[in-house]
Amino acid sequence: MADCRETIRQLYSYLDEMLEESLRVQISTHLDECPDCQDRVEFEYTLKARIRARAADEPLPDELRQRLLDCFDMDIDG
């Protein structure tokens, strides 16, 4: 069973739906029972949504885009 420490440790993976099913269920169960962790998850979810919405409104500068692509060793056209 997930506890507060495990829930917070896995918070971003949980929000990004990147957890194995069994751990996701454990964390969901913990969230149903723990208002402190629920508050933290809601805060982080809202923050990520606001950042995503804000980023969508502003174009990525070409230089930054190229630097990011270089980090992934990708071709701009690929």
N, C-alpha and C. Protein backbone atom coordinates (compact mmCIF):
# COMPACT_ATOMS: atom_id res chain seq x y z
N MET A 1 0.85 -1.19 0.00
CA MET A 1 0.00 0.00 0.00
C MET A 1 0.89 1.24 0.00
N ALA A 2 0.59 2.19 -0.87
CA ALA A 2 1.34 3.43 -0.94
C ALA A 2 1.03 4.29 0.27
N ASP A 3 2.05 4.99 0.74
CA ASP A 3 1.89 5.94 1.83
C ASP A 3 2.19 7.35 1.30
N CYS A 4 2.21 8.34 2.18
CA CYS A 4 2.46 9.72 1.75
C CYS A 4 3.81 9.86 1.06
N ARG A 5 4.83 9.27 1.63
CA ARG A 5 6.18 9.39 1.07
C ARG A 5 6.22 8.81 -0.36
N GLU A 6 5.68 7.63 -0.54
CA GLU A 6 5.67 6.99 -1.86
C GLU A 6 4.81 7.78 -2.85
N THR A 7 3.70 8.29 -2.38
CA THR A 7 2.82 9.07 -3.24
C THR A 7 3.52 10.32 -3.75
N ILE A 8 4.19 11.04 -2.87
CA ILE A 8 4.90 12.26 -3.27
C ILE A 8 6.08 11.91 -4.17
N ARG A 9 6.77 10.82 -3.86
CA ARG A 9 7.92 10.40 -4.68
C ARG A 9 7.49 10.07 -6.11
N GLN A 10 6.31 9.52 -6.26
CA GLN A 10 5.81 9.10 -7.57
C GLN A 10 4.85 10.13 -8.20
N LEU A 11 4.76 11.30 -7.59
CA LEU A 11 3.76 12.28 -7.98
C LEU A 11 3.74 12.60 -9.47
N TYR A 12 4.88 12.94 -10.04
CA TYR A 12 4.90 13.33 -11.45
C TYR A 12 4.65 12.15 -12.38
N SER A 13 5.14 11.00 -12.02
CA SER A 13 4.84 9.81 -12.82
C SER A 13 3.35 9.50 -12.77
N TYR A 14 2.75 9.70 -11.60
CA TYR A 14 1.31 9.50 -11.46
C TYR A 14 0.55 10.49 -12.34
N LEU A 15 0.91 11.76 -12.26
CA LEU A 15 0.22 12.78 -13.05
C LEU A 15 0.41 12.57 -14.56
N ASP A 16 1.56 12.04 -14.94
CA ASP A 16 1.85 11.80 -16.35
C ASP A 16 1.36 10.43 -16.82
N GLU A 17 0.69 9.72 -15.92
CA GLU A 17 0.15 8.38 -16.22
C GLU A 17 1.24 7.44 -16.72
N MET A 18 2.38 7.45 -16.00
CA MET A 18 3.52 6.65 -16.39
C MET A 18 3.81 5.52 -15.39
N LEU A 19 2.87 5.22 -14.52
CA LEU A 19 3.08 4.19 -13.51
C LEU A 19 2.50 2.86 -13.95
N GLU A 20 3.08 1.80 -13.42
CA GLU A 20 2.48 0.49 -13.62
C GLU A 20 1.11 0.50 -12.93
N GLU A 21 0.21 -0.29 -13.46
CA GLU A 21 -1.19 -0.30 -12.98
C GLU A 21 -1.28 -0.54 -11.48
N SER A 22 -0.53 -1.49 -10.95
CA SER A 22 -0.65 -1.82 -9.53
C SER A 22 -0.25 -0.65 -8.64
N LEU A 23 0.82 0.06 -9.00
CA LEU A 23 1.25 1.21 -8.21
C LEU A 23 0.27 2.37 -8.38
N ARG A 24 -0.24 2.55 -9.58
CA ARG A 24 -1.22 3.61 -9.81
C ARG A 24 -2.45 3.39 -8.93
N VAL A 25 -2.91 2.15 -8.84
CA VAL A 25 -4.08 1.83 -8.01
C VAL A 25 -3.76 2.09 -6.54
N GLN A 26 -2.57 1.71 -6.10
CA GLN A 26 -2.18 1.94 -4.71
C GLN A 26 -2.17 3.43 -4.38
N ILE A 27 -1.63 4.22 -5.28
CA ILE A 27 -1.57 5.67 -5.04
C ILE A 27 -2.97 6.27 -5.11
N SER A 28 -3.77 5.84 -6.04
CA SER A 28 -5.15 6.34 -6.11
C SER A 28 -5.91 6.03 -4.82
N THR A 29 -5.71 4.83 -4.31
CA THR A 29 -6.36 4.43 -3.05
C THR A 29 -5.89 5.33 -1.91
N HIS A 30 -4.57 5.57 -1.87
CA HIS A 30 -4.03 6.45 -0.83
C HIS A 30 -4.63 7.86 -0.95
N LEU A 31 -4.73 8.35 -2.18
CA LEU A 31 -5.28 9.69 -2.38
C LEU A 31 -6.73 9.79 -1.93
N ASP A 32 -7.48 8.70 -2.08
CA ASP A 32 -8.87 8.69 -1.62
C ASP A 32 -8.97 8.86 -0.11
N GLU A 33 -7.89 8.50 0.58
CA GLU A 33 -7.91 8.50 2.05
C GLU A 33 -7.07 9.60 2.69
N CYS A 34 -6.30 10.35 1.90
CA CYS A 34 -5.36 11.31 2.48
C CYS A 34 -5.57 12.70 1.88
N PRO A 35 -6.24 13.58 2.62
CA PRO A 35 -6.50 14.93 2.09
C PRO A 35 -5.23 15.74 1.84
N ASP A 36 -4.17 15.53 2.64
CA ASP A 36 -2.92 16.27 2.42
C ASP A 36 -2.31 15.92 1.06
N CYS A 37 -2.27 14.64 0.74
CA CYS A 37 -1.73 14.23 -0.55
C CYS A 37 -2.67 14.64 -1.69
N GLN A 38 -3.96 14.59 -1.46
CA GLN A 38 -4.92 15.06 -2.47
C GLN A 38 -4.64 16.53 -2.81
N ASP A 39 -4.43 17.34 -1.78
CA ASP A 39 -4.15 18.76 -1.99
C ASP A 39 -2.88 18.95 -2.81
N ARG A 40 -1.86 18.18 -2.50
CA ARG A 40 -0.58 18.29 -3.21
C ARG A 40 -0.75 17.89 -4.68
N VAL A 41 -1.47 16.81 -4.93
CA VAL A 41 -1.69 16.36 -6.30
C VAL A 41 -2.50 17.40 -7.07
N GLU A 42 -3.53 17.93 -6.46
CA GLU A 42 -4.34 18.96 -7.12
C GLU A 42 -3.53 20.20 -7.44
N PHE A 43 -2.67 20.62 -6.51
CA PHE A 43 -1.81 21.78 -6.74
C PHE A 43 -0.88 21.53 -7.93
N GLU A 44 -0.19 20.40 -7.92
CA GLU A 44 0.77 20.08 -8.98
C GLU A 44 0.07 19.91 -10.32
N TYR A 45 -1.10 19.30 -10.32
CA TYR A 45 -1.87 19.13 -11.55
C TYR A 45 -2.25 20.49 -12.13
N THR A 46 -2.74 21.37 -11.28
CA THR A 46 -3.13 22.71 -11.71
C THR A 46 -1.92 23.49 -12.22
N LEU A 47 -0.80 23.39 -11.52
CA LEU A 47 0.42 24.08 -11.94
C LEU A 47 0.87 23.59 -13.32
N LYS A 48 0.90 22.27 -13.51
CA LYS A 48 1.30 21.72 -14.81
C LYS A 48 0.35 22.19 -15.91
N ALA A 49 -0.94 22.22 -15.62
CA ALA A 49 -1.92 22.64 -16.63
C ALA A 49 -1.71 24.12 -16.99
N ARG A 50 -1.43 24.94 -16.01
CA ARG A 50 -1.20 26.37 -16.28
C ARG A 50 0.08 26.57 -17.08
N ILE A 51 1.11 25.85 -16.73
CA ILE A 51 2.37 25.96 -17.48
C ILE A 51 2.17 25.51 -18.92
N ARG A 52 1.46 24.39 -19.10
CA ARG A 52 1.19 23.88 -20.44
C ARG A 52 0.39 24.89 -21.26
N ALA A 53 -0.64 25.48 -20.66
CA ALA A 53 -1.47 26.45 -21.37
C ALA A 53 -0.66 27.70 -21.72
N ARG A 54 0.15 28.14 -20.79
CA ARG A 54 0.97 29.34 -21.03
C ARG A 54 1.99 29.08 -22.12
N ALA A 55 2.59 27.91 -22.09
CA ALA A 55 3.61 27.57 -23.10
C ALA A 55 2.98 27.48 -24.49
N ALA A 56 1.74 27.06 -24.56
CA ALA A 56 1.07 26.95 -25.85
C ALA A 56 0.82 28.32 -26.46
N ASP A 57 0.72 29.34 -25.61
CA ASP A 57 0.44 30.69 -26.09
C ASP A 57 1.67 31.41 -26.60
N GLU A 58 2.84 30.95 -26.20
CA GLU A 58 4.08 31.63 -26.57
C GLU A 58 4.92 30.71 -27.45
N PRO A 59 5.33 31.19 -28.61
CA PRO A 59 6.14 30.36 -29.49
C PRO A 59 7.53 30.12 -28.88
N LEU A 60 8.08 28.97 -29.17
CA LEU A 60 9.41 28.61 -28.70
C LEU A 60 10.43 29.28 -29.61
N PRO A 61 11.34 30.07 -29.04
CA PRO A 61 12.37 30.70 -29.89
C PRO A 61 13.18 29.63 -30.63
N ASP A 62 13.56 29.94 -31.87
CA ASP A 62 14.28 28.98 -32.70
C ASP A 62 15.56 28.49 -32.03
N GLU A 63 16.29 29.40 -31.39
CA GLU A 63 17.55 29.01 -30.74
C GLU A 63 17.30 28.00 -29.62
N LEU A 64 16.29 28.23 -28.81
CA LEU A 64 15.97 27.30 -27.74
C LEU A 64 15.49 25.96 -28.30
N ARG A 65 14.68 26.01 -29.33
CA ARG A 65 14.20 24.78 -29.97
C ARG A 65 15.38 23.95 -30.45
N GLN A 66 16.35 24.60 -31.11
CA GLN A 66 17.51 23.88 -31.61
C GLN A 66 18.33 23.30 -30.46
N ARG A 67 18.51 24.04 -29.39
CA ARG A 67 19.26 23.53 -28.24
C ARG A 67 18.57 22.31 -27.64
N LEU A 68 17.25 22.34 -27.56
CA LEU A 68 16.52 21.18 -27.04
C LEU A 68 16.67 19.98 -27.97
N LEU A 69 16.53 20.21 -29.25
CA LEU A 69 16.70 19.12 -30.20
C LEU A 69 18.10 18.54 -30.14
N ASP A 70 19.09 19.41 -29.97
CA ASP A 70 20.48 18.94 -29.84
C ASP A 70 20.66 18.06 -28.62
N CYS A 71 19.94 18.37 -27.56
CA CYS A 71 20.00 17.53 -26.34
C CYS A 71 19.51 16.13 -26.63
N PHE A 72 18.55 16.01 -27.52
CA PHE A 72 17.99 14.71 -27.87
C PHE A 72 18.67 14.11 -29.08
N ASP A 73 19.68 14.85 -29.60
CA ASP A 73 20.42 14.39 -30.77
C ASP A 73 19.47 14.12 -31.93
N MET A 74 18.60 15.08 -32.17
CA MET A 74 17.61 14.94 -33.24
C MET A 74 17.87 15.96 -34.33
N ASP A 75 17.36 15.67 -35.47
CA ASP A 75 17.41 16.56 -36.62
C ASP A 75 16.13 17.39 -36.61
N ILE A 76 16.23 18.71 -36.90
CA ILE A 76 15.06 19.59 -36.88
C ILE A 76 13.99 19.10 -37.86
N ASP A 77 14.37 18.56 -38.99
CA ASP A 77 13.40 18.11 -39.98
C ASP A 77 12.91 16.69 -39.70
N GLY A 78 13.54 16.01 -38.76
CA GLY A 78 13.19 14.62 -38.52
C GLY A 78 12.29 14.47 -37.41
